[in-house]
Each structure stands twice: as structure tokens, then as C-alpha cells.
Amino acid sequence: MIHPNQPHTAADGDAALRALYGHAQAQISAGTTARLHRARHAATTATPAWRRWAWPAAAGFAALFALAIGLQSLAPPAPSTTTPAPVLAEADGAAALDDGVADALATYEESPDFYLWLAANESTLLAME
């Protein structure tokens, strides 16, 4: 046994603990030792309840998500939420747009440079294909 007034090392402390463990083990009956052994064995080999259903649940969720993605690809496309193009003239003939916008559109209709620009862009697009 280690005395508090004597210097001690780690080996002395280890030896003292081993001696104390051996003494305690000698005091336990054989029946108690067997019961503790069976309990320890049952605790290490038993499968917790959540582990029994974890893999089937994970597989079920994966199948559910795959089904949802598949059904989304089969669904018709949603209607477009874009606003309709502005009407240039109302039914009674009055202009629906500002005078400035109407004038700008009129200048494009009358300008041959606009049509030359369109033709130049069209040839560029055809060359890119």
C-alpha cells in the first residue's frame, strides 16, 4: 500500500490499484460474477430498436423522393406567368402607349437603316450556325 508521506511513481500507483482490484474481485461470489458476465454480453450483442428500422426507413425515404422527382417530370408544365405584350392600339383606334414610344416605333418603321441593321444581324446569326 502507498503511504502519503512516501514518494511514489506511476508504477507504484498501478500496482496498488491492481492489488485493490484483485481483493475486490475475490470478494464477489461466483453467481454474481456469472450474472454480470451475462448482462455485459447481452448489452454488447443486443441491437437497439432504432437500428432495426433505420435502413428500411432510409430506403423508403429514398424511394419516395425518387417517385416525387419522377412524377414531377411527368407533370405538364405550369402556365406561364409572364404579362402579355402591350397592345399598340385599342379597339377604338386610340394609341395605348405614350406618344414618345409611338413616335419611336414609327421612326423604326420608316427607317431603311433599321431594316439594313436587321439584315446584317440575320446574316451574322446564320454565319454563327
N, C-alpha and C. Protein backbone atom coordinates (compact mmCIF):
# COMPACT_ATOMS: atom_id res chain seq x y z
N MET A 1 0.84 -1.16 0.00
CA MET A 1 0.00 0.00 0.00
C MET A 1 0.89 1.23 0.00
N ILE A 2 0.41 2.32 -0.64
CA ILE A 2 1.19 3.55 -0.75
C ILE A 2 0.86 4.45 0.43
N HIS A 3 1.90 4.96 1.05
CA HIS A 3 1.72 5.91 2.15
C HIS A 3 1.83 7.32 1.62
N PRO A 4 1.04 8.27 2.13
CA PRO A 4 1.06 9.63 1.61
C PRO A 4 2.39 10.34 1.81
N ASN A 5 3.17 9.96 2.78
CA ASN A 5 4.43 10.65 3.04
C ASN A 5 5.58 10.14 2.19
N GLN A 6 5.42 9.00 1.57
CA GLN A 6 6.49 8.43 0.77
C GLN A 6 6.35 8.89 -0.69
N PRO A 7 7.48 9.13 -1.35
CA PRO A 7 7.40 9.46 -2.78
C PRO A 7 6.95 8.22 -3.57
N HIS A 8 6.12 8.42 -4.57
CA HIS A 8 5.63 7.28 -5.34
C HIS A 8 5.70 7.59 -6.84
N THR A 9 5.73 6.53 -7.63
CA THR A 9 5.78 6.63 -9.09
C THR A 9 4.49 6.09 -9.66
N ALA A 10 4.38 6.17 -10.97
CA ALA A 10 3.18 5.66 -11.64
C ALA A 10 3.09 4.15 -11.51
N ALA A 11 4.22 3.50 -11.50
CA ALA A 11 4.23 2.03 -11.36
C ALA A 11 3.71 1.63 -9.99
N ASP A 12 4.06 2.40 -8.95
CA ASP A 12 3.56 2.10 -7.61
C ASP A 12 2.05 2.25 -7.56
N GLY A 13 1.53 3.30 -8.18
CA GLY A 13 0.09 3.52 -8.18
C GLY A 13 -0.63 2.44 -8.96
N ASP A 14 -0.06 2.00 -10.07
CA ASP A 14 -0.65 0.94 -10.87
C ASP A 14 -0.69 -0.37 -10.08
N ALA A 15 0.38 -0.67 -9.41
CA ALA A 15 0.44 -1.90 -8.62
C ALA A 15 -0.57 -1.87 -7.48
N ALA A 16 -0.73 -0.71 -6.87
CA ALA A 16 -1.70 -0.59 -5.76
C ALA A 16 -3.12 -0.77 -6.27
N LEU A 17 -3.43 -0.20 -7.43
CA LEU A 17 -4.78 -0.36 -8.00
C LEU A 17 -5.05 -1.80 -8.41
N ARG A 18 -4.05 -2.47 -8.96
CA ARG A 18 -4.23 -3.88 -9.33
C ARG A 18 -4.48 -4.74 -8.08
N ALA A 19 -3.78 -4.45 -7.01
CA ALA A 19 -3.97 -5.21 -5.78
C ALA A 19 -5.37 -4.96 -5.21
N LEU A 20 -5.82 -3.73 -5.26
CA LEU A 20 -7.16 -3.40 -4.77
C LEU A 20 -8.23 -4.08 -5.62
N TYR A 21 -8.04 -4.12 -6.94
CA TYR A 21 -8.99 -4.79 -7.84
C TYR A 21 -9.02 -6.29 -7.57
N GLY A 22 -7.87 -6.89 -7.38
CA GLY A 22 -7.82 -8.32 -7.08
C GLY A 22 -8.53 -8.65 -5.77
N HIS A 23 -8.38 -7.81 -4.76
CA HIS A 23 -9.05 -8.02 -3.48
C HIS A 23 -10.56 -7.90 -3.64
N ALA A 24 -11.03 -6.91 -4.41
CA ALA A 24 -12.47 -6.73 -4.62
C ALA A 24 -13.05 -7.88 -5.43
N GLN A 25 -12.31 -8.37 -6.40
CA GLN A 25 -12.78 -9.46 -7.22
C GLN A 25 -12.90 -10.76 -6.42
N ALA A 26 -12.04 -10.93 -5.46
CA ALA A 26 -12.09 -12.13 -4.62
C ALA A 26 -13.31 -12.11 -3.70
N GLN A 27 -13.85 -10.95 -3.40
CA GLN A 27 -15.00 -10.82 -2.50
C GLN A 27 -16.32 -11.08 -3.21
N ILE A 28 -16.38 -11.05 -4.56
CA ILE A 28 -17.63 -11.24 -5.30
C ILE A 28 -17.89 -12.73 -5.47
N SER A 29 -19.16 -13.15 -5.28
CA SER A 29 -19.50 -14.57 -5.40
C SER A 29 -19.50 -14.98 -6.88
N ALA A 30 -19.45 -16.29 -7.11
CA ALA A 30 -19.42 -16.83 -8.48
C ALA A 30 -20.73 -16.56 -9.21
N GLY A 31 -21.85 -16.63 -8.50
CA GLY A 31 -23.16 -16.36 -9.10
C GLY A 31 -23.28 -14.91 -9.59
N THR A 32 -22.77 -13.98 -8.76
CA THR A 32 -22.81 -12.57 -9.15
C THR A 32 -21.91 -12.32 -10.34
N THR A 33 -20.74 -12.95 -10.36
CA THR A 33 -19.82 -12.80 -11.49
C THR A 33 -20.46 -13.32 -12.78
N ALA A 34 -21.13 -14.48 -12.70
CA ALA A 34 -21.79 -15.05 -13.88
C ALA A 34 -22.92 -14.14 -14.36
N ARG A 35 -23.70 -13.60 -13.42
CA ARG A 35 -24.81 -12.72 -13.79
C ARG A 35 -24.29 -11.44 -14.45
N LEU A 36 -23.18 -10.88 -13.91
CA LEU A 36 -22.59 -9.68 -14.50
C LEU A 36 -22.04 -9.98 -15.90
N HIS A 37 -21.45 -11.15 -16.07
CA HIS A 37 -20.92 -11.54 -17.36
C HIS A 37 -22.04 -11.66 -18.40
N ARG A 38 -23.17 -12.31 -18.01
CA ARG A 38 -24.29 -12.46 -18.93
C ARG A 38 -24.89 -11.10 -19.28
N ALA A 39 -25.00 -10.22 -18.31
CA ALA A 39 -25.55 -8.89 -18.57
C ALA A 39 -24.65 -8.09 -19.51
N ARG A 40 -23.33 -8.18 -19.30
CA ARG A 40 -22.40 -7.47 -20.18
C ARG A 40 -22.45 -8.03 -21.60
N HIS A 41 -22.55 -9.33 -21.72
CA HIS A 41 -22.63 -9.97 -23.03
C HIS A 41 -23.93 -9.57 -23.75
N ALA A 42 -25.04 -9.57 -23.03
CA ALA A 42 -26.32 -9.19 -23.63
C ALA A 42 -26.32 -7.72 -24.06
N ALA A 43 -25.67 -6.87 -23.28
CA ALA A 43 -25.64 -5.44 -23.62
C ALA A 43 -24.80 -5.17 -24.87
N THR A 44 -23.75 -5.94 -25.07
CA THR A 44 -22.89 -5.69 -26.22
C THR A 44 -23.40 -6.34 -27.49
N THR A 45 -24.24 -7.36 -27.39
CA THR A 45 -24.74 -8.04 -28.59
C THR A 45 -26.14 -7.60 -28.98
N ALA A 46 -26.86 -6.93 -28.13
CA ALA A 46 -28.23 -6.53 -28.44
C ALA A 46 -28.23 -5.40 -29.46
N THR A 47 -29.17 -5.44 -30.39
CA THR A 47 -29.33 -4.39 -31.39
C THR A 47 -30.38 -3.40 -30.89
N PRO A 48 -30.05 -2.12 -30.82
CA PRO A 48 -31.04 -1.15 -30.38
C PRO A 48 -32.24 -1.11 -31.34
N ALA A 49 -33.38 -0.72 -30.82
CA ALA A 49 -34.61 -0.72 -31.63
C ALA A 49 -34.49 0.21 -32.83
N TRP A 50 -33.84 1.35 -32.68
CA TRP A 50 -33.77 2.30 -33.80
C TRP A 50 -32.91 1.76 -34.93
N ARG A 51 -31.96 0.86 -34.63
CA ARG A 51 -31.11 0.30 -35.69
C ARG A 51 -31.86 -0.74 -36.50
N ARG A 52 -32.89 -1.33 -35.95
CA ARG A 52 -33.65 -2.33 -36.69
C ARG A 52 -34.44 -1.72 -37.82
N TRP A 53 -34.92 -0.48 -37.66
CA TRP A 53 -35.74 0.13 -38.70
C TRP A 53 -35.04 1.27 -39.42
N ALA A 54 -33.77 1.54 -39.12
CA ALA A 54 -33.07 2.67 -39.75
C ALA A 54 -32.86 2.45 -41.24
N TRP A 55 -32.33 1.31 -41.64
CA TRP A 55 -32.09 1.07 -43.07
C TRP A 55 -33.38 0.97 -43.87
N PRO A 56 -34.40 0.26 -43.42
CA PRO A 56 -35.65 0.25 -44.20
C PRO A 56 -36.27 1.64 -44.31
N ALA A 57 -36.18 2.44 -43.26
CA ALA A 57 -36.73 3.80 -43.33
C ALA A 57 -35.94 4.65 -44.31
N ALA A 58 -34.63 4.54 -44.32
CA ALA A 58 -33.81 5.31 -45.26
C ALA A 58 -34.12 4.88 -46.70
N ALA A 59 -34.28 3.60 -46.93
CA ALA A 59 -34.61 3.13 -48.27
C ALA A 59 -36.00 3.61 -48.69
N GLY A 60 -36.93 3.63 -47.76
CA GLY A 60 -38.27 4.13 -48.06
C GLY A 60 -38.27 5.61 -48.42
N PHE A 61 -37.52 6.42 -47.68
CA PHE A 61 -37.43 7.84 -48.00
C PHE A 61 -36.78 8.06 -49.36
N ALA A 62 -35.75 7.30 -49.67
CA ALA A 62 -35.09 7.43 -50.97
C ALA A 62 -36.06 7.07 -52.10
N ALA A 63 -36.83 6.02 -51.91
CA ALA A 63 -37.81 5.64 -52.93
C ALA A 63 -38.89 6.71 -53.07
N LEU A 64 -39.31 7.29 -51.97
CA LEU A 64 -40.32 8.34 -52.00
C LEU A 64 -39.82 9.56 -52.77
N PHE A 65 -38.58 9.98 -52.51
CA PHE A 65 -38.02 11.12 -53.22
C PHE A 65 -37.85 10.82 -54.71
N ALA A 66 -37.42 9.61 -55.05
CA ALA A 66 -37.29 9.24 -56.46
C ALA A 66 -38.65 9.26 -57.15
N LEU A 67 -39.67 8.80 -56.47
CA LEU A 67 -41.02 8.82 -57.03
C LEU A 67 -41.51 10.26 -57.23
N ALA A 68 -41.23 11.12 -56.27
CA ALA A 68 -41.65 12.53 -56.40
C ALA A 68 -40.95 13.20 -57.57
N ILE A 69 -39.67 12.92 -57.76
CA ILE A 69 -38.94 13.51 -58.89
C ILE A 69 -39.49 12.96 -60.20
N GLY A 70 -39.78 11.67 -60.24
CA GLY A 70 -40.36 11.08 -61.45
C GLY A 70 -41.71 11.65 -61.79
N LEU A 71 -42.54 11.86 -60.79
CA LEU A 71 -43.86 12.43 -61.03
C LEU A 71 -43.77 13.89 -61.48
N GLN A 72 -42.77 14.61 -61.00
CA GLN A 72 -42.59 15.99 -61.44
C GLN A 72 -42.22 16.05 -62.91
N SER A 73 -41.44 15.10 -63.37
CA SER A 73 -41.04 15.11 -64.78
C SER A 73 -42.20 14.73 -65.68
N LEU A 74 -43.19 14.00 -65.16
CA LEU A 74 -44.36 13.62 -65.96
C LEU A 74 -45.46 14.68 -65.97
N ALA A 75 -45.42 15.59 -65.02
CA ALA A 75 -46.47 16.60 -64.90
C ALA A 75 -46.37 17.59 -66.05
N PRO A 76 -47.53 18.12 -66.52
CA PRO A 76 -47.48 19.13 -67.58
C PRO A 76 -46.85 20.41 -67.06
N PRO A 77 -46.25 21.20 -67.94
CA PRO A 77 -45.61 22.43 -67.47
C PRO A 77 -46.64 23.40 -66.92
N ALA A 78 -46.21 24.17 -65.96
CA ALA A 78 -47.10 25.15 -65.34
C ALA A 78 -47.39 26.27 -66.33
N PRO A 79 -48.56 26.90 -66.23
CA PRO A 79 -48.86 28.01 -67.14
C PRO A 79 -47.90 29.17 -66.91
N SER A 80 -47.63 29.87 -67.98
CA SER A 80 -46.69 30.98 -67.91
C SER A 80 -47.30 32.13 -67.14
N THR A 81 -46.47 32.76 -66.32
CA THR A 81 -46.95 33.90 -65.53
C THR A 81 -46.47 35.21 -66.10
N THR A 82 -45.96 35.20 -67.34
CA THR A 82 -45.48 36.44 -67.94
C THR A 82 -46.66 37.30 -68.35
N THR A 83 -46.44 38.58 -68.38
CA THR A 83 -47.51 39.50 -68.77
C THR A 83 -47.62 39.53 -70.28
N PRO A 84 -48.82 39.73 -70.80
CA PRO A 84 -48.98 39.77 -72.26
C PRO A 84 -48.30 41.01 -72.84
N ALA A 85 -47.98 40.91 -74.12
CA ALA A 85 -47.33 42.04 -74.80
C ALA A 85 -48.29 43.23 -74.83
N PRO A 86 -47.76 44.43 -74.74
CA PRO A 86 -48.63 45.59 -74.75
C PRO A 86 -49.30 45.76 -76.11
N VAL A 87 -50.52 46.20 -76.05
CA VAL A 87 -51.29 46.43 -77.27
C VAL A 87 -50.96 47.81 -77.79
N LEU A 88 -50.64 47.90 -79.08
CA LEU A 88 -50.27 49.20 -79.64
C LEU A 88 -51.48 50.09 -79.87
N ALA A 89 -52.58 49.51 -80.21
CA ALA A 89 -53.77 50.33 -80.45
C ALA A 89 -54.96 49.65 -79.80
N GLU A 90 -55.82 50.43 -79.21
CA GLU A 90 -57.03 49.87 -78.61
C GLU A 90 -58.06 49.64 -79.70
N ALA A 91 -59.17 49.04 -79.34
CA ALA A 91 -60.20 48.69 -80.32
C ALA A 91 -60.78 49.92 -81.01
N ASP A 92 -60.85 51.04 -80.30
CA ASP A 92 -61.46 52.23 -80.89
C ASP A 92 -60.45 53.06 -81.69
N GLY A 93 -59.19 52.61 -81.78
CA GLY A 93 -58.22 53.28 -82.62
C GLY A 93 -57.29 54.20 -81.86
N ALA A 94 -57.50 54.44 -80.59
CA ALA A 94 -56.64 55.33 -79.82
C ALA A 94 -55.36 54.60 -79.45
N ALA A 95 -54.26 55.30 -79.39
CA ALA A 95 -52.97 54.69 -79.07
C ALA A 95 -52.93 54.35 -77.58
N ALA A 96 -52.44 53.13 -77.26
CA ALA A 96 -52.37 52.69 -75.88
C ALA A 96 -51.05 53.09 -75.23
N LEU A 97 -50.02 53.38 -76.03
CA LEU A 97 -48.72 53.72 -75.50
C LEU A 97 -48.54 55.23 -75.47
N ASP A 98 -47.47 55.65 -74.79
CA ASP A 98 -47.14 57.07 -74.76
C ASP A 98 -46.87 57.58 -76.18
N ASP A 99 -46.98 58.85 -76.36
CA ASP A 99 -46.69 59.44 -77.66
C ASP A 99 -45.23 59.25 -78.03
N GLY A 100 -44.33 59.33 -77.04
CA GLY A 100 -42.91 59.16 -77.32
C GLY A 100 -42.59 57.77 -77.81
N VAL A 101 -43.19 56.75 -77.22
CA VAL A 101 -42.95 55.37 -77.63
C VAL A 101 -43.55 55.14 -79.00
N ALA A 102 -44.75 55.67 -79.24
CA ALA A 102 -45.39 55.51 -80.53
C ALA A 102 -44.57 56.18 -81.62
N ASP A 103 -43.99 57.34 -81.33
CA ASP A 103 -43.15 58.03 -82.31
C ASP A 103 -41.88 57.24 -82.60
N ALA A 104 -41.28 56.66 -81.56
CA ALA A 104 -40.07 55.87 -81.76
C ALA A 104 -40.35 54.65 -82.63
N LEU A 105 -41.49 53.99 -82.40
CA LEU A 105 -41.85 52.84 -83.22
C LEU A 105 -42.11 53.26 -84.66
N ALA A 106 -42.70 54.43 -84.85
CA ALA A 106 -42.97 54.93 -86.19
C ALA A 106 -41.68 55.22 -86.93
N THR A 107 -40.67 55.75 -86.23
CA THR A 107 -39.41 56.02 -86.91
C THR A 107 -38.71 54.74 -87.32
N TYR A 108 -38.83 53.68 -86.53
CA TYR A 108 -38.23 52.41 -86.94
C TYR A 108 -38.93 51.85 -88.18
N GLU A 109 -40.24 52.02 -88.25
CA GLU A 109 -40.98 51.51 -89.40
C GLU A 109 -40.61 52.24 -90.68
N GLU A 110 -40.25 53.52 -90.57
CA GLU A 110 -39.96 54.33 -91.75
C GLU A 110 -38.48 54.33 -92.10
N SER A 111 -37.63 53.88 -91.23
CA SER A 111 -36.19 53.99 -91.44
C SER A 111 -35.65 52.78 -92.21
N PRO A 112 -35.02 53.01 -93.38
CA PRO A 112 -34.41 51.89 -94.10
C PRO A 112 -33.16 51.37 -93.38
N ASP A 113 -32.52 52.23 -92.57
CA ASP A 113 -31.33 51.79 -91.83
C ASP A 113 -31.68 50.69 -90.83
N PHE A 114 -32.89 50.77 -90.29
CA PHE A 114 -33.32 49.75 -89.35
C PHE A 114 -33.39 48.39 -90.03
N TYR A 115 -33.93 48.36 -91.24
CA TYR A 115 -34.05 47.10 -91.96
C TYR A 115 -32.68 46.59 -92.41
N LEU A 116 -31.76 47.50 -92.74
CA LEU A 116 -30.40 47.09 -93.08
C LEU A 116 -29.71 46.48 -91.86
N TRP A 117 -29.95 47.08 -90.69
CA TRP A 117 -29.37 46.56 -89.44
C TRP A 117 -29.91 45.16 -89.15
N LEU A 118 -31.23 44.97 -89.36
CA LEU A 118 -31.81 43.64 -89.16
C LEU A 118 -31.22 42.62 -90.11
N ALA A 119 -31.03 42.98 -91.35
CA ALA A 119 -30.47 42.06 -92.33
C ALA A 119 -29.03 41.73 -91.99
N ALA A 120 -28.26 42.69 -91.49
CA ALA A 120 -26.88 42.44 -91.12
C ALA A 120 -26.81 41.48 -89.94
N ASN A 121 -27.69 41.64 -88.98
CA ASN A 121 -27.70 40.74 -87.82
C ASN A 121 -28.14 39.34 -88.22
N GLU A 122 -29.04 39.25 -89.17
CA GLU A 122 -29.51 37.94 -89.60
C GLU A 122 -28.40 37.17 -90.30
N SER A 123 -27.61 37.86 -91.11
CA SER A 123 -26.51 37.17 -91.78
C SER A 123 -25.45 36.75 -90.76
N THR A 124 -25.25 37.55 -89.73
CA THR A 124 -24.29 37.18 -88.68
C THR A 124 -24.78 35.94 -87.93
N LEU A 125 -26.06 35.89 -87.64
CA LEU A 125 -26.61 34.72 -86.95
C LEU A 125 -26.51 33.47 -87.81
N LEU A 126 -26.76 33.61 -89.11
CA LEU A 126 -26.64 32.45 -90.00
C LEU A 126 -25.19 31.98 -90.08
N ALA A 127 -24.25 32.92 -90.07
CA ALA A 127 -22.84 32.55 -90.12
C ALA A 127 -22.41 31.84 -88.84
N MET A 128 -23.03 32.17 -87.72
CA MET A 128 -22.67 31.55 -86.45
C MET A 128 -23.16 30.11 -86.38
N GLU A 129 -24.23 29.79 -87.10
CA GLU A 129 -24.77 28.42 -87.08
C GLU A 129 -23.86 27.55 -87.84
